[in-house]
Amino acid sequence: LKAGRPAWRIEAIDGAEDGRTKLDRLTQAAWGEIP
């Protein structure tokens, strides 16, 4: 996510919320909305 704009992020539906939230924030700060 830091290296370049991604095409998609992949998040398991049964994954922990904490990790996803951190990546959500990083993505939003760097690239805005990413599917």
PDB file of all heavy atoms in Angstrom:
ATOM      1  N   LEU A   1       0.828  -1.214   0.000  1.00  0.00           N
ATOM      2  CA  LEU A   1       0.000   0.000   0.000  1.00  0.00           C
ATOM      3  C   LEU A   1       0.862   1.263   0.000  1.00  0.00           C
ATOM      4  O   LEU A   1       0.470   2.286  -0.560  1.00  0.00           O
ATOM      5  CB  LEU A   1      -0.927  -0.001   1.213  1.00  0.00           C
ATOM      6  CG  LEU A   1      -2.094  -0.989   1.160  1.00  0.00           C
ATOM      7  CD1 LEU A   1      -2.777  -1.077   2.521  1.00  0.00           C
ATOM      8  CD2 LEU A   1      -3.087  -0.590   0.083  1.00  0.00           C
ATOM      9  N   LYS A   2       2.012   1.195   0.606  1.00  0.00           N
ATOM     10  CA  LYS A   2       2.915   2.346   0.624  1.00  0.00           C
ATOM     11  C   LYS A   2       3.678   2.487  -0.687  1.00  0.00           C
ATOM     12  O   LYS A   2       4.084   3.586  -1.058  1.00  0.00           O
ATOM     13  CB  LYS A   2       3.907   2.217   1.785  1.00  0.00           C
ATOM     14  CG  LYS A   2       3.276   2.386   3.159  1.00  0.00           C
ATOM     15  CD  LYS A   2       4.322   2.268   4.260  1.00  0.00           C
ATOM     16  CE  LYS A   2       3.713   2.497   5.629  1.00  0.00           C
ATOM     17  NZ  LYS A   2       4.718   2.404   6.724  1.00  0.00           N
ATOM     18  N   ALA A   3       3.853   1.362  -1.392  1.00  0.00           N
ATOM     19  CA  ALA A   3       4.673   1.368  -2.594  1.00  0.00           C
ATOM     20  C   ALA A   3       3.952   1.938  -3.810  1.00  0.00           C
ATOM     21  O   ALA A   3       4.577   2.523  -4.693  1.00  0.00           O
ATOM     22  CB  ALA A   3       5.150  -0.048  -2.897  1.00  0.00           C
ATOM     23  N   GLY A   4       2.657   1.777  -3.883  1.00  0.00           N
ATOM     24  CA  GLY A   4       1.916   2.257  -5.047  1.00  0.00           C
ATOM     25  C   GLY A   4       0.432   2.028  -4.896  1.00  0.00           C
ATOM     26  O   GLY A   4      -0.007   1.268  -4.031  1.00  0.00           O
ATOM     27  N   ARG A   5      -0.337   2.681  -5.746  1.00  0.00           N
ATOM     28  CA  ARG A   5      -1.786   2.550  -5.671  1.00  0.00           C
ATOM     29  C   ARG A   5      -2.206   1.128  -6.041  1.00  0.00           C
ATOM     30  O   ARG A   5      -1.913   0.660  -7.151  1.00  0.00           O
ATOM     31  CB  ARG A   5      -2.454   3.545  -6.610  1.00  0.00           C
ATOM     32  CG  ARG A   5      -3.982   3.552  -6.502  1.00  0.00           C
ATOM     33  CD  ARG A   5      -4.616   4.555  -7.446  1.00  0.00           C
ATOM     34  NE  ARG A   5      -6.058   4.592  -7.246  1.00  0.00           N
ATOM     35  CZ  ARG A   5      -6.670   5.370  -6.367  1.00  0.00           C
ATOM     36  NH1 ARG A   5      -5.960   6.184  -5.610  1.00  0.00           N
ATOM     37  NH2 ARG A   5      -7.984   5.327  -6.228  1.00  0.00           N
ATOM     38  N   PRO A   6      -2.914   0.439  -5.158  1.00  0.00           N
ATOM     39  CA  PRO A   6      -3.328  -0.933  -5.450  1.00  0.00           C
ATOM     40  C   PRO A   6      -4.588  -0.964  -6.309  1.00  0.00           C
ATOM     41  O   PRO A   6      -5.326   0.016  -6.397  1.00  0.00           O
ATOM     42  CB  PRO A   6      -3.611  -1.510  -4.051  1.00  0.00           C
ATOM     43  CG  PRO A   6      -4.112  -0.325  -3.289  1.00  0.00           C
ATOM     44  CD  PRO A   6      -3.329   0.856  -3.809  1.00  0.00           C
ATOM     45  N   ALA A   7      -4.826  -2.117  -6.923  1.00  0.00           N
ATOM     46  CA  ALA A   7      -6.068  -2.300  -7.662  1.00  0.00           C
ATOM     47  C   ALA A   7      -7.202  -2.676  -6.714  1.00  0.00           C
ATOM     48  O   ALA A   7      -8.320  -2.164  -6.832  1.00  0.00           O
ATOM     49  CB  ALA A   7      -5.889  -3.387  -8.727  1.00  0.00           C
ATOM     50  N   TRP A   8      -6.916  -3.605  -5.793  1.00  0.00           N
ATOM     51  CA  TRP A   8      -7.893  -4.079  -4.817  1.00  0.00           C
ATOM     52  C   TRP A   8      -7.205  -4.401  -3.503  1.00  0.00           C
ATOM     53  O   TRP A   8      -6.048  -4.830  -3.503  1.00  0.00           O
ATOM     54  CB  TRP A   8      -8.578  -5.367  -5.304  1.00  0.00           C
ATOM     55  CG  TRP A   8      -9.656  -5.167  -6.310  1.00  0.00           C
ATOM     56  CD1 TRP A   8      -9.508  -4.934  -7.643  1.00  0.00           C
ATOM     57  CD2 TRP A   8     -11.066  -5.189  -6.061  1.00  0.00           C
ATOM     58  NE1 TRP A   8     -10.732  -4.809  -8.246  1.00  0.00           N
ATOM     59  CE2 TRP A   8     -11.709  -4.977  -7.304  1.00  0.00           C
ATOM     60  CE3 TRP A   8     -11.841  -5.383  -4.920  1.00  0.00           C
ATOM     61  CZ2 TRP A   8     -13.091  -4.932  -7.436  1.00  0.00           C
ATOM     62  CZ3 TRP A   8     -13.226  -5.352  -5.050  1.00  0.00           C
ATOM     63  CH2 TRP A   8     -13.834  -5.122  -6.294  1.00  0.00           C
ATOM     64  N   ARG A   9      -7.920  -4.235  -2.415  1.00  0.00           N
ATOM     65  CA  ARG A   9      -7.525  -4.814  -1.137  1.00  0.00           C
ATOM     66  C   ARG A   9      -8.361  -6.055  -0.894  1.00  0.00           C
ATOM     67  O   ARG A   9      -9.505  -6.138  -1.319  1.00  0.00           O
ATOM     68  CB  ARG A   9      -7.728  -3.827   0.012  1.00  0.00           C
ATOM     69  CG  ARG A   9      -6.611  -2.800   0.120  1.00  0.00           C
ATOM     70  CD  ARG A   9      -6.840  -1.870   1.287  1.00  0.00           C
ATOM     71  NE  ARG A   9      -7.106  -2.607   2.509  1.00  0.00           N
ATOM     72  CZ  ARG A   9      -7.948  -2.188   3.465  1.00  0.00           C
ATOM     73  NH1 ARG A   9      -8.606  -1.053   3.325  1.00  0.00           N
ATOM     74  NH2 ARG A   9      -8.130  -2.905   4.545  1.00  0.00           N
ATOM     75  N   ILE A  10      -7.779  -7.015  -0.203  1.00  0.00           N
ATOM     76  CA  ILE A  10      -8.462  -8.267   0.111  1.00  0.00           C
ATOM     77  C   ILE A  10      -8.500  -8.418   1.623  1.00  0.00           C
ATOM     78  O   ILE A  10      -7.450  -8.362   2.281  1.00  0.00           O
ATOM     79  CB  ILE A  10      -7.721  -9.459  -0.532  1.00  0.00           C
ATOM     80  CG1 ILE A  10      -7.580  -9.246  -2.045  1.00  0.00           C
ATOM     81  CG2 ILE A  10      -8.435 -10.766  -0.221  1.00  0.00           C
ATOM     82  CD1 ILE A  10      -6.472 -10.046  -2.669  1.00  0.00           C
ATOM     83  N   GLU A  11      -9.690  -8.594   2.172  1.00  0.00           N
ATOM     84  CA  GLU A  11      -9.857  -8.719   3.618  1.00  0.00           C
ATOM     85  C   GLU A  11     -10.798  -9.884   3.922  1.00  0.00           C
ATOM     86  O   GLU A  11     -11.945  -9.894   3.472  1.00  0.00           O
ATOM     87  CB  GLU A  11     -10.434  -7.425   4.211  1.00  0.00           C
ATOM     88  CG  GLU A  11      -9.524  -6.216   4.092  1.00  0.00           C
ATOM     89  CD  GLU A  11      -8.311  -6.289   5.002  1.00  0.00           C
ATOM     90  OE1 GLU A  11      -8.338  -7.066   5.992  1.00  0.00           O
ATOM     91  OE2 GLU A  11      -7.316  -5.587   4.719  1.00  0.00           O
ATOM     92  N   ALA A  12     -10.309 -10.868   4.668  1.00  0.00           N
ATOM     93  CA  ALA A  12     -11.154 -12.000   5.029  1.00  0.00           C
ATOM     94  C   ALA A  12     -12.324 -11.540   5.882  1.00  0.00           C
ATOM     95  O   ALA A  12     -12.171 -10.704   6.784  1.00  0.00           O
ATOM     96  CB  ALA A  12     -10.338 -13.045   5.788  1.00  0.00           C
ATOM     97  N   ILE A  13     -13.495 -12.099   5.607  1.00  0.00           N
ATOM     98  CA  ILE A  13     -14.698 -11.689   6.315  1.00  0.00           C
ATOM     99  C   ILE A  13     -14.646 -12.068   7.793  1.00  0.00           C
ATOM    100  O   ILE A  13     -15.303 -11.446   8.638  1.00  0.00           O
ATOM    101  CB  ILE A  13     -15.946 -12.305   5.638  1.00  0.00           C
ATOM    102  CG1 ILE A  13     -17.219 -11.598   6.077  1.00  0.00           C
ATOM    103  CG2 ILE A  13     -16.018 -13.807   5.875  1.00  0.00           C
ATOM    104  CD1 ILE A  13     -18.437 -11.986   5.271  1.00  0.00           C
ATOM    105  N   ASP A  14     -13.836 -13.082   8.124  1.00  0.00           N
ATOM    106  CA  ASP A  14     -13.723 -13.526   9.516  1.00  0.00           C
ATOM    107  C   ASP A  14     -12.419 -13.088  10.161  1.00  0.00           C
ATOM    108  O   ASP A  14     -12.015 -13.622  11.193  1.00  0.00           O
ATOM    109  CB  ASP A  14     -13.860 -15.054   9.599  1.00  0.00           C
ATOM    110  CG  ASP A  14     -12.935 -15.789   8.638  1.00  0.00           C
ATOM    111  OD1 ASP A  14     -12.332 -15.146   7.759  1.00  0.00           O
ATOM    112  OD2 ASP A  14     -12.822 -17.028   8.763  1.00  0.00           O
ATOM    113  N   GLY A  15     -11.753 -12.098   9.573  1.00  0.00           N
ATOM    114  CA  GLY A  15     -10.517 -11.579  10.154  1.00  0.00           C
ATOM    115  C   GLY A  15     -10.790 -10.601  11.288  1.00  0.00           C
ATOM    116  O   GLY A  15     -11.897 -10.075  11.423  1.00  0.00           O
ATOM    117  N   ALA A  16      -9.767 -10.354  12.093  1.00  0.00           N
ATOM    118  CA  ALA A  16      -9.896  -9.417  13.213  1.00  0.00           C
ATOM    119  C   ALA A  16     -10.086  -7.991  12.700  1.00  0.00           C
ATOM    120  O   ALA A  16      -9.488  -7.590  11.695  1.00  0.00           O
ATOM    121  CB  ALA A  16      -8.668  -9.494  14.108  1.00  0.00           C
ATOM    122  N   GLU A  17     -10.920  -7.238  13.405  1.00  0.00           N
ATOM    123  CA  GLU A  17     -11.244  -5.878  12.985  1.00  0.00           C
ATOM    124  C   GLU A  17     -10.049  -4.935  13.109  1.00  0.00           C
ATOM    125  O   GLU A  17      -9.897  -4.002  12.321  1.00  0.00           O
ATOM    126  CB  GLU A  17     -12.405  -5.352  13.826  1.00  0.00           C
ATOM    127  CG  GLU A  17     -12.958  -4.010  13.377  1.00  0.00           C
ATOM    128  CD  GLU A  17     -13.631  -4.089  12.021  1.00  0.00           C
ATOM    129  OE1 GLU A  17     -14.092  -5.182  11.646  1.00  0.00           O
ATOM    130  OE2 GLU A  17     -13.681  -3.050  11.332  1.00  0.00           O
ATOM    131  N   ASP A  18      -9.172  -5.175  14.090  1.00  0.00           N
ATOM    132  CA  ASP A  18      -8.065  -4.266  14.356  1.00  0.00           C
ATOM    133  C   ASP A  18      -7.135  -4.128  13.156  1.00  0.00           C
ATOM    134  O   ASP A  18      -6.797  -3.014  12.742  1.00  0.00           O
ATOM    135  CB  ASP A  18      -7.276  -4.751  15.582  1.00  0.00           C
ATOM    136  CG  ASP A  18      -6.115  -3.821  15.907  1.00  0.00           C
ATOM    137  OD1 ASP A  18      -6.364  -2.622  16.153  1.00  0.00           O
ATOM    138  OD2 ASP A  18      -4.955  -4.285  15.902  1.00  0.00           O
ATOM    139  N   GLY A  19      -6.713  -5.261  12.587  1.00  0.00           N
ATOM    140  CA  GLY A  19      -5.808  -5.212  11.449  1.00  0.00           C
ATOM    141  C   GLY A  19      -6.439  -4.537  10.249  1.00  0.00           C
ATOM    142  O   GLY A  19      -5.798  -3.732   9.562  1.00  0.00           O
ATOM    143  N   ARG A  20      -7.706  -4.842  10.003  1.00  0.00           N
ATOM    144  CA  ARG A  20      -8.381  -4.225   8.866  1.00  0.00           C
ATOM    145  C   ARG A  20      -8.491  -2.714   9.061  1.00  0.00           C
ATOM    146  O   ARG A  20      -8.291  -1.949   8.117  1.00  0.00           O
ATOM    147  CB  ARG A  20      -9.767  -4.836   8.674  1.00  0.00           C
ATOM    148  CG  ARG A  20     -10.553  -4.122   7.591  1.00  0.00           C
ATOM    149  CD  ARG A  20     -11.795  -4.870   7.183  1.00  0.00           C
ATOM    150  NE  ARG A  20     -12.485  -4.153   6.114  1.00  0.00           N
ATOM    151  CZ  ARG A  20     -13.384  -4.690   5.316  1.00  0.00           C
ATOM    152  NH1 ARG A  20     -13.720  -5.958   5.451  1.00  0.00           N
ATOM    153  NH2 ARG A  20     -13.967  -3.975   4.371  1.00  0.00           N
ATOM    154  N   THR A  21      -8.813  -2.293  10.278  1.00  0.00           N
ATOM    155  CA  THR A  21      -8.952  -0.861  10.544  1.00  0.00           C
ATOM    156  C   THR A  21      -7.650  -0.118  10.273  1.00  0.00           C
ATOM    157  O   THR A  21      -7.644   0.980   9.699  1.00  0.00           O
ATOM    158  CB  THR A  21      -9.399  -0.637  11.997  1.00  0.00           C
ATOM    159  OG1 THR A  21     -10.678  -1.251  12.197  1.00  0.00           O
ATOM    160  CG2 THR A  21      -9.510   0.856  12.304  1.00  0.00           C
ATOM    161  N   LYS A  22      -6.528  -0.710  10.663  1.00  0.00           N
ATOM    162  CA  LYS A  22      -5.228  -0.074  10.431  1.00  0.00           C
ATOM    163  C   LYS A  22      -4.948   0.066   8.941  1.00  0.00           C
ATOM    164  O   LYS A  22      -4.467   1.112   8.481  1.00  0.00           O
ATOM    165  CB  LYS A  22      -4.125  -0.888  11.101  1.00  0.00           C
ATOM    166  CG  LYS A  22      -4.149  -0.811  12.617  1.00  0.00           C
ATOM    167  CD  LYS A  22      -3.067  -1.697  13.229  1.00  0.00           C
ATOM    168  CE  LYS A  22      -3.107  -1.620  14.750  1.00  0.00           C
ATOM    169  NZ  LYS A  22      -2.088  -2.527  15.361  1.00  0.00           N
ATOM    170  N   LEU A  23      -5.269  -0.972   8.175  1.00  0.00           N
ATOM    171  CA  LEU A  23      -5.047  -0.904   6.731  1.00  0.00           C
ATOM    172  C   LEU A  23      -6.049   0.031   6.058  1.00  0.00           C
ATOM    173  O   LEU A  23      -5.721   0.684   5.063  1.00  0.00           O
ATOM    174  CB  LEU A  23      -5.125  -2.302   6.125  1.00  0.00           C
ATOM    175  CG  LEU A  23      -3.993  -3.258   6.527  1.00  0.00           C
ATOM    176  CD1 LEU A  23      -4.207  -4.636   5.912  1.00  0.00           C
ATOM    177  CD2 LEU A  23      -2.630  -2.704   6.117  1.00  0.00           C
ATOM    178  N   ASP A  24      -7.262   0.103   6.606  1.00  0.00           N
ATOM    179  CA  ASP A  24      -8.246   1.078   6.105  1.00  0.00           C
ATOM    180  C   ASP A  24      -7.693   2.493   6.208  1.00  0.00           C
ATOM    181  O   ASP A  24      -7.781   3.290   5.264  1.00  0.00           O
ATOM    182  CB  ASP A  24      -9.543   0.993   6.913  1.00  0.00           C
ATOM    183  CG  ASP A  24     -10.410  -0.208   6.550  1.00  0.00           C
ATOM    184  OD1 ASP A  24     -10.178  -0.815   5.495  1.00  0.00           O
ATOM    185  OD2 ASP A  24     -11.317  -0.529   7.340  1.00  0.00           O
ATOM    186  N   ARG A  25      -7.123   2.810   7.371  1.00  0.00           N
ATOM    187  CA  ARG A  25      -6.601   4.157   7.606  1.00  0.00           C
ATOM    188  C   ARG A  25      -5.421   4.456   6.698  1.00  0.00           C
ATOM    189  O   ARG A  25      -5.309   5.552   6.133  1.00  0.00           O
ATOM    190  CB  ARG A  25      -6.201   4.308   9.068  1.00  0.00           C
ATOM    191  CG  ARG A  25      -7.385   4.310  10.031  1.00  0.00           C
ATOM    192  CD  ARG A  25      -6.914   4.247  11.466  1.00  0.00           C
ATOM    193  NE  ARG A  25      -8.041   4.271  12.394  1.00  0.00           N
ATOM    194  CZ  ARG A  25      -7.940   3.992  13.696  1.00  0.00           C
ATOM    195  NH1 ARG A  25      -6.758   3.660  14.211  1.00  0.00           N
ATOM    196  NH2 ARG A  25      -9.006   4.040  14.473  1.00  0.00           N
ATOM    197  N   LEU A  26      -4.524   3.487   6.567  1.00  0.00           N
ATOM    198  CA  LEU A  26      -3.366   3.676   5.699  1.00  0.00           C
ATOM    199  C   LEU A  26      -3.798   3.892   4.254  1.00  0.00           C
ATOM    200  O   LEU A  26      -3.304   4.795   3.565  1.00  0.00           O
ATOM    201  CB  LEU A  26      -2.451   2.450   5.797  1.00  0.00           C
ATOM    202  CG  LEU A  26      -1.256   2.409   4.831  1.00  0.00           C
ATOM    203  CD1 LEU A  26      -0.354   3.619   5.035  1.00  0.00           C
ATOM    204  CD2 LEU A  26      -0.469   1.120   5.015  1.00  0.00           C
ATOM    205  N   THR A  27      -4.749   3.083   3.788  1.00  0.00           N
ATOM    206  CA  THR A  27      -5.237   3.201   2.417  1.00  0.00           C
ATOM    207  C   THR A  27      -5.898   4.552   2.172  1.00  0.00           C
ATOM    208  O   THR A  27      -5.639   5.222   1.171  1.00  0.00           O
ATOM    209  CB  THR A  27      -6.245   2.079   2.110  1.00  0.00           C
ATOM    210  OG1 THR A  27      -5.648   0.813   2.363  1.00  0.00           O
ATOM    211  CG2 THR A  27      -6.709   2.148   0.666  1.00  0.00           C
ATOM    212  N   GLN A  28      -6.756   4.947   3.103  1.00  0.00           N
ATOM    213  CA  GLN A  28      -7.479   6.206   2.950  1.00  0.00           C
ATOM    214  C   GLN A  28      -6.526   7.390   2.912  1.00  0.00           C
ATOM    215  O   GLN A  28      -6.688   8.314   2.107  1.00  0.00           O
ATOM    216  CB  GLN A  28      -8.481   6.370   4.098  1.00  0.00           C
ATOM    217  CG  GLN A  28      -9.400   7.569   3.959  1.00  0.00           C
ATOM    218  CD  GLN A  28     -10.338   7.464   2.773  1.00  0.00           C
ATOM    219  OE1 GLN A  28     -10.854   6.389   2.489  1.00  0.00           O
ATOM    220  NE2 GLN A  28     -10.556   8.565   2.074  1.00  0.00           N
ATOM    221  N   ALA A  29      -5.523   7.355   3.773  1.00  0.00           N
ATOM    222  CA  ALA A  29      -4.564   8.460   3.832  1.00  0.00           C
ATOM    223  C   ALA A  29      -3.719   8.539   2.560  1.00  0.00           C
ATOM    224  O   ALA A  29      -3.409   9.635   2.070  1.00  0.00           O
ATOM    225  CB  ALA A  29      -3.659   8.300   5.048  1.00  0.00           C
ATOM    226  N   ALA A  30      -3.360   7.383   2.012  1.00  0.00           N
ATOM    227  CA  ALA A  30      -2.467   7.360   0.857  1.00  0.00           C
ATOM    228  C   ALA A  30      -3.195   7.484  -0.474  1.00  0.00           C
ATOM    229  O   ALA A  30      -2.723   8.169  -1.381  1.00  0.00           O
ATOM    230  CB  ALA A  30      -1.630   6.075   0.876  1.00  0.00           C
ATOM    231  N   TRP A  31      -4.354   6.819  -0.596  1.00  0.00           N
ATOM    232  CA  TRP A  31      -4.980   6.690  -1.908  1.00  0.00           C
ATOM    233  C   TRP A  31      -6.470   7.023  -1.959  1.00  0.00           C
ATOM    234  O   TRP A  31      -7.063   7.018  -3.040  1.00  0.00           O
ATOM    235  CB  TRP A  31      -4.805   5.251  -2.419  1.00  0.00           C
ATOM    236  CG  TRP A  31      -3.403   4.778  -2.346  1.00  0.00           C
ATOM    237  CD1 TRP A  31      -2.883   3.845  -1.487  1.00  0.00           C
ATOM    238  CD2 TRP A  31      -2.297   5.230  -3.143  1.00  0.00           C
ATOM    239  NE1 TRP A  31      -1.541   3.678  -1.703  1.00  0.00           N
ATOM    240  CE2 TRP A  31      -1.158   4.514  -2.713  1.00  0.00           C
ATOM    241  CE3 TRP A  31      -2.159   6.159  -4.178  1.00  0.00           C
ATOM    242  CZ2 TRP A  31       0.104   4.707  -3.283  1.00  0.00           C
ATOM    243  CZ3 TRP A  31      -0.910   6.354  -4.741  1.00  0.00           C
ATOM    244  CH2 TRP A  31       0.201   5.636  -4.293  1.00  0.00           C
ATOM    245  N   GLY A  32      -7.082   7.274  -0.830  1.00  0.00           N
ATOM    246  CA  GLY A  32      -8.522   7.492  -0.832  1.00  0.00           C
ATOM    247  C   GLY A  32      -9.254   6.163  -0.944  1.00  0.00           C
ATOM    248  O   GLY A  32      -8.841   5.165  -0.351  1.00  0.00           O
ATOM    249  N   GLU A  33     -10.329   6.119  -1.727  1.00  0.00           N
ATOM    250  CA  GLU A  33     -11.141   4.917  -1.837  1.00  0.00           C
ATOM    251  C   GLU A  33     -10.496   3.880  -2.756  1.00  0.00           C
ATOM    252  O   GLU A  33     -10.183   4.182  -3.910  1.00  0.00           O
ATOM    253  CB  GLU A  33     -12.538   5.268  -2.364  1.00  0.00           C
ATOM    254  CG  GLU A  33     -13.379   6.090  -1.402  1.00  0.00           C
ATOM    255  CD  GLU A  33     -13.710   5.328  -0.131  1.00  0.00           C
ATOM    256  OE1 GLU A  33     -13.875   4.095  -0.210  1.00  0.00           O
ATOM    257  OE2 GLU A  33     -13.799   5.955   0.923  1.00  0.00           O
ATOM    258  N   ILE A  34     -10.307   2.700  -2.235  1.00  0.00           N
ATOM    259  CA  ILE A  34      -9.826   1.547  -2.991  1.00  0.00           C
ATOM    260  C   ILE A  34     -10.829   0.418  -2.774  1.00  0.00           C
ATOM    261  O   ILE A  34     -11.259   0.175  -1.638  1.00  0.00           O
ATOM    262  CB  ILE A  34      -8.429   1.101  -2.499  1.00  0.00           C
ATOM    263  CG1 ILE A  34      -7.390   2.196  -2.753  1.00  0.00           C
ATOM    264  CG2 ILE A  34      -8.006  -0.207  -3.177  1.00  0.00           C
ATOM    265  CD1 ILE A  34      -7.126   2.493  -4.216  1.00  0.00           C
ATOM    266  N   PRO A  35     -11.245  -0.289  -3.821  1.00  0.00           N
ATOM    267  CA  PRO A  35     -12.224  -1.369  -3.623  1.00  0.00           C
ATOM    268  C   PRO A  35     -11.671  -2.476  -2.733  1.00  0.00           C
ATOM    269  O   PRO A  35     -10.487  -2.808  -2.799  1.00  0.00           O
ATOM    270  CB  PRO A  35     -12.507  -1.866  -5.041  1.00  0.00           C
ATOM    271  CG  PRO A  35     -11.338  -1.418  -5.851  1.00  0.00           C
ATOM    272  CD  PRO A  35     -10.864  -0.137  -5.240  1.00  0.00           C
TER     273      PRO A  35
END
